[in-house]
C-alpha atoms as a PDB file:
ATOM      1  CA  LEU A   1      13.155 -34.720 -12.115  1.00  0.00           C
ATOM      2  CA  ILE A   2      14.171 -32.065  -9.581  1.00  0.00           C
ATOM      3  CA  LEU A   3      17.937 -31.792  -9.329  1.00  0.00           C
ATOM      4  CA  SER A   4      18.553 -28.330  -7.903  1.00  0.00           C
ATOM      5  CA  GLU A   5      17.019 -25.641  -5.751  1.00  0.00           C
ATOM      6  CA  ASP A   6      16.232 -23.685  -8.911  1.00  0.00           C
ATOM      7  CA  ASP A   7      14.344 -26.733 -10.247  1.00  0.00           C
ATOM      8  CA  GLN A   8      12.393 -26.886  -6.977  1.00  0.00           C
ATOM      9  CA  ILE A   9      11.480 -23.207  -7.284  1.00  0.00           C
ATOM     10  CA  ARG A  10      10.323 -23.660 -10.884  1.00  0.00           C
ATOM     11  CA  TYR A  11       8.324 -26.728  -9.861  1.00  0.00           C
ATOM     12  CA  GLN A  12       6.558 -24.855  -7.053  1.00  0.00           C
ATOM     13  CA  ILE A  13       5.797 -21.939  -9.376  1.00  0.00           C
ATOM     14  CA  ALA A  14       4.343 -24.368 -11.949  1.00  0.00           C
ATOM     15  CA  ARG A  15       2.203 -25.952  -9.207  1.00  0.00           C
ATOM     16  CA  HIS A  16       1.014 -22.491  -8.198  1.00  0.00           C
ATOM     17  CA  ILE A  17       0.004 -21.702 -11.786  1.00  0.00           C
ATOM     18  CA  HIS A  18      -1.857 -25.012 -11.988  1.00  0.00           C
ATOM     19  CA  PHE A  19      -3.842 -24.466  -8.795  1.00  0.00           C
ATOM     20  CA  SER A  20      -4.416 -20.843  -9.754  1.00  0.00           C
ATOM     21  CA  SER A  21      -6.067 -21.974 -12.989  1.00  0.00           C
ATOM     22  CA  LEU A  22      -8.341 -24.190 -10.885  1.00  0.00           C
ATOM     23  CA  ASN A  23      -9.107 -21.291  -8.475  1.00  0.00           C
ATOM     24  CA  ASN A  24      -7.942 -23.511  -5.615  1.00  0.00           C
ATOM     25  CA  ARG A  25      -6.816 -20.776  -3.208  1.00  0.00           C
ATOM     26  CA  ASP A  26      -6.039 -23.067  -0.271  1.00  0.00           C
ATOM     27  CA  SER A  27      -3.570 -25.093  -2.327  1.00  0.00           C
ATOM     28  CA  MET A  28      -2.127 -21.905  -3.786  1.00  0.00           C
ATOM     29  CA  LEU A  29      -1.498 -20.511  -0.301  1.00  0.00           C
ATOM     30  CA  HIS A  30       0.143 -23.753   0.803  1.00  0.00           C
ATOM     31  CA  ILE A  31       2.479 -23.632  -2.205  1.00  0.00           C
ATOM     32  CA  GLU A  32       3.296 -19.962  -1.587  1.00  0.00           C
ATOM     33  CA  ARG A  33       4.330 -20.770   1.972  1.00  0.00           C
ATOM     34  CA  ASP A  34       6.506 -23.652   0.714  1.00  0.00           C
ATOM     35  CA  LEU A  35       8.049 -21.319  -1.835  1.00  0.00           C
ATOM     36  CA  LEU A  36       9.021 -18.555   0.634  1.00  0.00           C
ATOM     37  CA  PRO A  37      12.093 -20.237   2.181  1.00  0.00           C
ATOM     38  CA  LEU A  38      13.319 -21.281  -1.272  1.00  0.00           C
ATOM     39  CA  ILE A  39      13.262 -17.763  -2.706  1.00  0.00           C
ATOM     40  CA  ASP A  40      14.446 -15.923   0.397  1.00  0.00           C
ATOM     41  CA  SER A  41      17.921 -15.564  -1.071  1.00  0.00           C
ATOM     42  CA  GLU A  42      19.839 -13.278  -3.367  1.00  0.00           C
ATOM     43  CA  GLY A  43      18.675 -13.363  -6.949  1.00  0.00           C
ATOM     44  CA  TYR A  44      15.021 -14.079  -6.199  1.00  0.00           C
ATOM     45  CA  GLU A  45      14.040 -10.756  -4.657  1.00  0.00           C
ATOM     46  CA  VAL A  46      11.383  -9.861  -7.238  1.00  0.00           C
ATOM     47  CA  GLU A  47       9.787 -13.312  -6.946  1.00  0.00           C
ATOM     48  CA  LEU A  48       9.882 -12.909  -3.148  1.00  0.00           C
ATOM     49  CA  VAL A  49       8.023  -9.590  -3.404  1.00  0.00           C
ATOM     50  CA  LYS A  50       5.442 -11.093  -5.766  1.00  0.00           C
ATOM     51  CA  THR A  51       4.956 -14.083  -3.449  1.00  0.00           C
ATOM     52  CA  PHE A  52       4.401 -11.821  -0.439  1.00  0.00           C
ATOM     53  CA  GLN A  53       1.920  -9.844  -2.534  1.00  0.00           C
ATOM     54  CA  ARG A  54       0.005 -12.961  -3.582  1.00  0.00           C
ATOM     55  CA  ILE A  55      -0.217 -14.150   0.021  1.00  0.00           C
ATOM     56  CA  GLY A  56      -1.347 -10.683   1.078  1.00  0.00           C
ATOM     57  CA  TYR A  57      -4.014 -10.710  -1.611  1.00  0.00           C
ATOM     58  CA  PHE A  58      -5.206 -14.137  -0.437  1.00  0.00           C
ATOM     59  CA  TYR A  59      -5.743 -12.754   3.059  1.00  0.00           C
ATOM     60  CA  GLU A  60      -7.346  -9.600   1.687  1.00  0.00           C
ATOM     61  CA  VAL A  61     -10.037 -11.493  -0.250  1.00  0.00           C
ATOM     62  CA  THR A  62     -10.716 -13.715   2.770  1.00  0.00           C
ATOM     63  CA  GLY A  63     -11.223 -10.631   4.949  1.00  0.00           C
ATOM     64  CA  LEU A  64      -8.145 -11.149   7.132  1.00  0.00           C
ATOM     65  CA  TYR A  65      -6.849  -7.640   6.584  1.00  0.00           C
ATOM     66  CA  ASP A  66      -4.378  -7.656   9.467  1.00  0.00           C
ATOM     67  CA  GLN A  67      -2.655 -10.710   7.953  1.00  0.00           C
ATOM     68  CA  ALA A  68      -2.771  -9.126   4.484  1.00  0.00           C
ATOM     69  CA  ILE A  69      -1.100  -5.977   5.823  1.00  0.00           C
ATOM     70  CA  LYS A  70       1.688  -8.050   7.385  1.00  0.00           C
ATOM     71  CA  TYR A  71       2.545  -9.683   4.058  1.00  0.00           C
ATOM     72  CA  PHE A  72       2.300  -6.426   2.110  1.00  0.00           C
ATOM     73  CA  LEU A  73       4.704  -4.836   4.611  1.00  0.00           C
ATOM     74  CA  ASP A  74       7.100  -7.767   4.091  1.00  0.00           C
ATOM     75  CA  ALA A  75       6.836  -7.174   0.340  1.00  0.00           C
ATOM     76  CA  LEU A  76       7.513  -3.467   0.835  1.00  0.00           C
ATOM     77  CA  LYS A  77      10.725  -4.118   2.767  1.00  0.00           C
ATOM     78  CA  VAL A  78      12.147  -6.172  -0.088  1.00  0.00           C
ATOM     79  CA  ALA A  79      10.885  -3.787  -2.800  1.00  0.00           C
ATOM     80  CA  GLU A  80      12.524  -0.841  -1.019  1.00  0.00           C
ATOM     81  CA  LYS A  81      15.859  -2.697  -0.992  1.00  0.00           C
ATOM     82  CA  LEU A  82      15.455  -3.257  -4.729  1.00  0.00           C
ATOM     83  CA  GLN A  83      14.607   0.428  -5.181  1.00  0.00           C
ATOM     84  CA  ASP A  84      11.849  -0.625  -7.548  1.00  0.00           C
ATOM     85  CA  ILE A  85       9.404   2.273  -7.562  1.00  0.00           C
ATOM     86  CA  GLY A  86       6.848   0.344  -9.620  1.00  0.00           C
ATOM     87  CA  LEU A  87       6.697  -2.500  -7.102  1.00  0.00           C
ATOM     88  CA  GLU A  88       6.617  -0.052  -4.206  1.00  0.00           C
ATOM     89  CA  SER A  89       3.700   1.791  -5.807  1.00  0.00           C
ATOM     90  CA  GLU A  90       1.703  -1.459  -6.177  1.00  0.00           C
ATOM     91  CA  ILE A  91       2.356  -2.336  -2.546  1.00  0.00           C
ATOM     92  CA  PHE A  92       1.446   1.126  -1.240  1.00  0.00           C
ATOM     93  CA  LYS A  93      -1.861   0.850  -3.094  1.00  0.00           C
ATOM     94  CA  SER A  94      -2.534  -2.551  -1.486  1.00  0.00           C
ATOM     95  CA  LEU A  95      -1.571  -1.278   1.965  1.00  0.00           C
ATOM     96  CA  SER A  96      -3.866   1.715   1.574  1.00  0.00           C
ATOM     97  CA  GLN A  97      -6.740  -0.523   0.449  1.00  0.00           C
ATOM     98  CA  ASN A  98      -6.298  -2.983   3.319  1.00  0.00           C
ATOM     99  CA  HIS A  99      -6.027  -0.284   5.960  1.00  0.00           C
ATOM    100  CA  ARG A 100      -9.229   1.255   4.575  1.00  0.00           C
ATOM    101  CA  LEU A 101     -10.992  -2.107   4.743  1.00  0.00           C
ATOM    102  CA  PHE A 102      -9.612  -2.552   8.275  1.00  0.00           C
ATOM    103  CA  HIS A 103     -11.140   0.873   9.120  1.00  0.00           C
ATOM    104  CA  ASP A 104      -7.744   2.401   9.857  1.00  0.00           C
ATOM    105  CA  TYR A 105      -8.395   5.428   7.702  1.00  0.00           C
ATOM    106  CA  ALA A 106      -5.393   7.474   8.867  1.00  0.00           C
ATOM    107  CA  LYS A 107      -2.979   4.778   7.721  1.00  0.00           C
ATOM    108  CA  ALA A 108      -4.995   4.262   4.546  1.00  0.00           C
ATOM    109  CA  VAL A 109      -4.433   7.913   3.677  1.00  0.00           C
ATOM    110  CA  GLU A 110      -0.769   7.694   4.699  1.00  0.00           C
ATOM    111  CA  TYR A 111      -0.071   4.768   2.377  1.00  0.00           C
ATOM    112  CA  GLY A 112      -2.258   6.266  -0.332  1.00  0.00           C
ATOM    113  CA  LYS A 113      -0.156   9.427  -0.622  1.00  0.00           C
END
């Protein structure tokens, strides 16, 4: 029984874990997109960053690097507000990788520094 927004968030995360265990990426992406508006509020910033990262990774493995970069940049904006150097470092690595795969080597080096 889902009684609150927090229950809804936990339910969506549980669904994500389920579909992740089945390697059902399309369902996972759908859930991530449903989850974004729920966690785009104070108190869920780390989960928001992780969700942006997972969506970015989905696009990276499907070869849609421009879409991946967009989501990693969204993750970076939130991580910078949190001043979480560990999260920022993960995101910079992903941005560097995706720019390299997108053949934008100058930006790959920039994010890799």
